Amino acid sequence: MLELPLEEALTMIGRGEIVDGKTIMLLQYATLNLSGTQAEHGERSRFSD
């Protein structure tokens, strides 16, 4: 098991380094749920336009 920042894990998905479906779903879930928390603090999610 690896521990790394969420942004790095998302990048690894894009590069095809993470291919496990459960892992990808968990990371996407975390991204969606953390984006609301970041918005409350004035930060932008990498997926918001």
PDB file of N, CA and C in Angstrom:
ATOM      1  N   MET A   1       0.842  -1.166   0.000  1.00  0.00           N
ATOM      2  CA  MET A   1       0.000   0.000   0.000  1.00  0.00           C
ATOM      3  C   MET A   1       0.894   1.237   0.000  1.00  0.00           C
ATOM      4  N   LEU A   2       0.534   2.201  -0.830  1.00  0.00           N
ATOM      5  CA  LEU A   2       1.253   3.472  -0.908  1.00  0.00           C
ATOM      6  C   LEU A   2       0.398   4.577  -0.311  1.00  0.00           C
ATOM      7  N   GLU A   3       1.053   5.533   0.314  1.00  0.00           N
ATOM      8  CA  GLU A   3       0.375   6.753   0.756  1.00  0.00           C
ATOM      9  C   GLU A   3       0.979   7.903  -0.026  1.00  0.00           C
ATOM     10  N   LEU A   4       0.133   8.626  -0.756  1.00  0.00           N
ATOM     11  CA  LEU A   4       0.601   9.784  -1.503  1.00  0.00           C
ATOM     12  C   LEU A   4      -0.496  10.818  -1.576  1.00  0.00           C
ATOM     13  N   PRO A   5      -0.132  12.038  -1.925  1.00  0.00           N
ATOM     14  CA  PRO A   5      -1.138  13.101  -2.019  1.00  0.00           C
ATOM     15  C   PRO A   5      -2.208  12.760  -3.061  1.00  0.00           C
ATOM     16  N   LEU A   6      -3.408  13.218  -2.820  1.00  0.00           N
ATOM     17  CA  LEU A   6      -4.523  12.948  -3.722  1.00  0.00           C
ATOM     18  C   LEU A   6      -4.213  13.402  -5.138  1.00  0.00           C
ATOM     19  N   GLU A   7      -3.657  14.581  -5.291  1.00  0.00           N
ATOM     20  CA  GLU A   7      -3.336  15.094  -6.630  1.00  0.00           C
ATOM     21  C   GLU A   7      -2.384  14.157  -7.375  1.00  0.00           C
ATOM     22  N   GLU A   8      -1.397  13.627  -6.672  1.00  0.00           N
ATOM     23  CA  GLU A   8      -0.445  12.708  -7.308  1.00  0.00           C
ATOM     24  C   GLU A   8      -1.144  11.415  -7.727  1.00  0.00           C
ATOM     25  N   ALA A   9      -2.029  10.913  -6.876  1.00  0.00           N
ATOM     26  CA  ALA A   9      -2.769   9.695  -7.210  1.00  0.00           C
ATOM     27  C   ALA A   9      -3.657   9.918  -8.436  1.00  0.00           C
ATOM     28  N   LEU A  10      -4.297  11.076  -8.528  1.00  0.00           N
ATOM     29  CA  LEU A  10      -5.131  11.381  -9.691  1.00  0.00           C
ATOM     30  C   LEU A  10      -4.292  11.466 -10.959  1.00  0.00           C
ATOM     31  N   THR A  11      -3.107  12.019 -10.842  1.00  0.00           N
ATOM     32  CA  THR A  11      -2.194  12.080 -11.981  1.00  0.00           C
ATOM     33  C   THR A  11      -1.793  10.675 -12.408  1.00  0.00           C
ATOM     34  N   MET A  12      -1.560   9.809 -11.441  1.00  0.00           N
ATOM     35  CA  MET A  12      -1.189   8.426 -11.739  1.00  0.00           C
ATOM     36  C   MET A  12      -2.321   7.691 -12.459  1.00  0.00           C
ATOM     37  N   ILE A  13      -3.564   8.011 -12.130  1.00  0.00           N
ATOM     38  CA  ILE A  13      -4.695   7.427 -12.858  1.00  0.00           C
ATOM     39  C   ILE A  13      -4.625   7.855 -14.319  1.00  0.00           C
ATOM     40  N   GLY A  14      -4.394   9.131 -14.547  1.00  0.00           N
ATOM     41  CA  GLY A  14      -4.312   9.656 -15.908  1.00  0.00           C
ATOM     42  C   GLY A  14      -3.189   9.037 -16.722  1.00  0.00           C
ATOM     43  N   ARG A  15      -2.094   8.689 -16.056  1.00  0.00           N
ATOM     44  CA  ARG A  15      -0.953   8.065 -16.743  1.00  0.00           C
ATOM     45  C   ARG A  15      -1.108   6.560 -16.879  1.00  0.00           C
ATOM     46  N   GLY A  16      -2.167   6.016 -16.316  1.00  0.00           N
ATOM     47  CA  GLY A  16      -2.391   4.578 -16.391  1.00  0.00           C
ATOM     48  C   GLY A  16      -1.610   3.773 -15.373  1.00  0.00           C
ATOM     49  N   GLU A  17      -1.068   4.438 -14.367  1.00  0.00           N
ATOM     50  CA  GLU A  17      -0.298   3.742 -13.341  1.00  0.00           C
ATOM     51  C   GLU A  17      -1.198   3.137 -12.272  1.00  0.00           C
ATOM     52  N   ILE A  18      -2.380   3.687 -12.102  1.00  0.00           N
ATOM     53  CA  ILE A  18      -3.382   3.111 -11.207  1.00  0.00           C
ATOM     54  C   ILE A  18      -4.528   2.666 -12.100  1.00  0.00           C
ATOM     55  N   VAL A  19      -4.816   1.365 -12.087  1.00  0.00           N
ATOM     56  CA  VAL A  19      -5.850   0.828 -12.974  1.00  0.00           C
ATOM     57  C   VAL A  19      -6.934   0.057 -12.228  1.00  0.00           C
ATOM     58  N   ASP A  20      -6.761  -0.148 -10.933  1.00  0.00           N
ATOM     59  CA  ASP A  20      -7.740  -0.882 -10.142  1.00  0.00           C
ATOM     60  C   ASP A  20      -9.020  -0.062 -10.000  1.00  0.00           C
ATOM     61  N   GLY A  21     -10.133  -0.640 -10.403  1.00  0.00           N
ATOM     62  CA  GLY A  21     -11.403   0.072 -10.404  1.00  0.00           C
ATOM     63  C   GLY A  21     -11.836   0.575  -9.039  1.00  0.00           C
ATOM     64  N   LYS A  22     -11.662  -0.242  -8.003  1.00  0.00           N
ATOM     65  CA  LYS A  22     -12.067   0.179  -6.657  1.00  0.00           C
ATOM     66  C   LYS A  22     -11.235   1.364  -6.187  1.00  0.00           C
ATOM     67  N   THR A  23      -9.964   1.333  -6.486  1.00  0.00           N
ATOM     68  CA  THR A  23      -9.078   2.430  -6.087  1.00  0.00           C
ATOM     69  C   THR A  23      -9.456   3.712  -6.813  1.00  0.00           C
ATOM     70  N   ILE A  24      -9.720   3.604  -8.101  1.00  0.00           N
ATOM     71  CA  ILE A  24     -10.095   4.776  -8.895  1.00  0.00           C
ATOM     72  C   ILE A  24     -11.407   5.366  -8.377  1.00  0.00           C
ATOM     73  N   MET A  25     -12.382   4.503  -8.090  1.00  0.00           N
ATOM     74  CA  MET A  25     -13.664   4.989  -7.567  1.00  0.00           C
ATOM     75  C   MET A  25     -13.480   5.692  -6.226  1.00  0.00           C
ATOM     76  N   LEU A  26     -12.656   5.132  -5.350  1.00  0.00           N
ATOM     77  CA  LEU A  26     -12.412   5.751  -4.049  1.00  0.00           C
ATOM     78  C   LEU A  26     -11.755   7.119  -4.209  1.00  0.00           C
ATOM     79  N   LEU A  27     -10.773   7.212  -5.100  1.00  0.00           N
ATOM     80  CA  LEU A  27     -10.086   8.486  -5.312  1.00  0.00           C
ATOM     81  C   LEU A  27     -11.030   9.526  -5.912  1.00  0.00           C
ATOM     82  N   GLN A  28     -11.897   9.105  -6.830  1.00  0.00           N
ATOM     83  CA  GLN A  28     -12.871  10.031  -7.397  1.00  0.00           C
ATOM     84  C   GLN A  28     -13.878  10.479  -6.341  1.00  0.00           C
ATOM     85  N   TYR A  29     -14.311   9.553  -5.497  1.00  0.00           N
ATOM     86  CA  TYR A  29     -15.224   9.888  -4.407  1.00  0.00           C
ATOM     87  C   TYR A  29     -14.582  10.911  -3.471  1.00  0.00           C
ATOM     88  N   ALA A  30     -13.329  10.663  -3.115  1.00  0.00           N
ATOM     89  CA  ALA A  30     -12.612  11.586  -2.230  1.00  0.00           C
ATOM     90  C   ALA A  30     -12.479  12.958  -2.881  1.00  0.00           C
ATOM     91  N   THR A  31     -12.187  12.982  -4.171  1.00  0.00           N
ATOM     92  CA  THR A  31     -12.044  14.251  -4.887  1.00  0.00           C
ATOM     93  C   THR A  31     -13.346  15.040  -4.862  1.00  0.00           C
ATOM     94  N   LEU A  32     -14.452  14.372  -5.128  1.00  0.00           N
ATOM     95  CA  LEU A  32     -15.747  15.055  -5.137  1.00  0.00           C
ATOM     96  C   LEU A  32     -16.120  15.569  -3.758  1.00  0.00           C
ATOM     97  N   ASN A  33     -15.846  14.802  -2.732  1.00  0.00           N
ATOM     98  CA  ASN A  33     -16.205  15.211  -1.379  1.00  0.00           C
ATOM     99  C   ASN A  33     -15.253  16.247  -0.816  1.00  0.00           C
ATOM    100  N   LEU A  34     -13.993  16.207  -1.196  1.00  0.00           N
ATOM    101  CA  LEU A  34     -13.044  17.212  -0.724  1.00  0.00           C
ATOM    102  C   LEU A  34     -13.230  18.536  -1.449  1.00  0.00           C
ATOM    103  N   SER A  35     -13.765  18.511  -2.673  1.00  0.00           N
ATOM    104  CA  SER A  35     -13.929  19.759  -3.417  1.00  0.00           C
ATOM    105  C   SER A  35     -14.885  20.697  -2.686  1.00  0.00           C
ATOM    106  N   GLY A  36     -15.903  20.170  -2.014  1.00  0.00           N
ATOM    107  CA  GLY A  36     -16.804  21.010  -1.228  1.00  0.00           C
ATOM    108  C   GLY A  36     -16.094  21.627  -0.049  1.00  0.00           C
ATOM    109  N   THR A  37     -15.230  20.873   0.601  1.00  0.00           N
ATOM    110  CA  THR A  37     -14.460  21.379   1.732  1.00  0.00           C
ATOM    111  C   THR A  37     -13.504  22.466   1.275  1.00  0.00           C
ATOM    112  N   GLN A  38     -12.850  22.264   0.139  1.00  0.00           N
ATOM    113  CA  GLN A  38     -11.912  23.255  -0.379  1.00  0.00           C
ATOM    114  C   GLN A  38     -12.644  24.525  -0.777  1.00  0.00           C
ATOM    115  N   ALA A  39     -13.842  24.385  -1.335  1.00  0.00           N
ATOM    116  CA  ALA A  39     -14.600  25.560  -1.756  1.00  0.00           C
ATOM    117  C   ALA A  39     -14.950  26.433  -0.558  1.00  0.00           C
ATOM    118  N   GLU A  40     -15.197  25.802   0.585  1.00  0.00           N
ATOM    119  CA  GLU A  40     -15.503  26.564   1.787  1.00  0.00           C
ATOM    120  C   GLU A  40     -14.310  27.402   2.237  1.00  0.00           C
ATOM    121  N   HIS A  41     -13.117  26.979   1.872  1.00  0.00           N
ATOM    122  CA  HIS A  41     -11.898  27.685   2.258  1.00  0.00           C
ATOM    123  C   HIS A  41     -11.345  28.543   1.122  1.00  0.00           C
ATOM    124  N   GLY A  42     -12.122  28.698   0.046  1.00  0.00           N
ATOM    125  CA  GLY A  42     -11.702  29.551  -1.055  1.00  0.00           C
ATOM    126  C   GLY A  42     -10.721  28.908  -2.013  1.00  0.00           C
ATOM    127  N   GLU A  43     -10.581  27.589  -1.969  1.00  0.00           N
ATOM    128  CA  GLU A  43      -9.677  26.895  -2.881  1.00  0.00           C
ATOM    129  C   GLU A  43     -10.488  26.320  -4.024  1.00  0.00           C
ATOM    130  N   ARG A  44      -9.835  26.107  -5.180  1.00  0.00           N
ATOM    131  CA  ARG A  44     -10.500  25.526  -6.333  1.00  0.00           C
ATOM    132  C   ARG A  44     -10.112  24.073  -6.488  1.00  0.00           C
ATOM    133  N   SER A  45     -11.071  23.260  -6.845  1.00  0.00           N
ATOM    134  CA  SER A  45     -10.798  21.870  -7.181  1.00  0.00           C
ATOM    135  C   SER A  45     -10.187  21.823  -8.568  1.00  0.00           C
ATOM    136  N   ARG A  46      -9.383  20.811  -8.846  1.00  0.00           N
ATOM    137  CA  ARG A  46      -8.791  20.698 -10.171  1.00  0.00           C
ATOM    138  C   ARG A  46      -9.836  20.372 -11.223  1.00  0.00           C
ATOM    139  N   PHE A  47     -11.062  19.982 -10.798  1.00  0.00           N
ATOM    140  CA  PHE A  47     -12.102  19.622 -11.735  1.00  0.00           C
ATOM    141  C   PHE A  47     -13.156  20.707 -11.900  1.00  0.00           C
ATOM    142  N   SER A  48     -13.025  21.825 -11.219  1.00  0.00           N
ATOM    143  CA  SER A  48     -14.026  22.885 -11.351  1.00  0.00           C
ATOM    144  C   SER A  48     -13.588  23.874 -12.424  1.00  0.00           C
ATOM    145  N   ASP A  49     -14.565  24.339 -13.178  1.00  0.00           N
ATOM    146  CA  ASP A  49     -14.280  25.324 -14.238  1.00  0.00           C
ATOM    147  C   ASP A  49     -15.021  26.605 -13.979  1.00  0.00           C
TER     148      ASP A  49
END
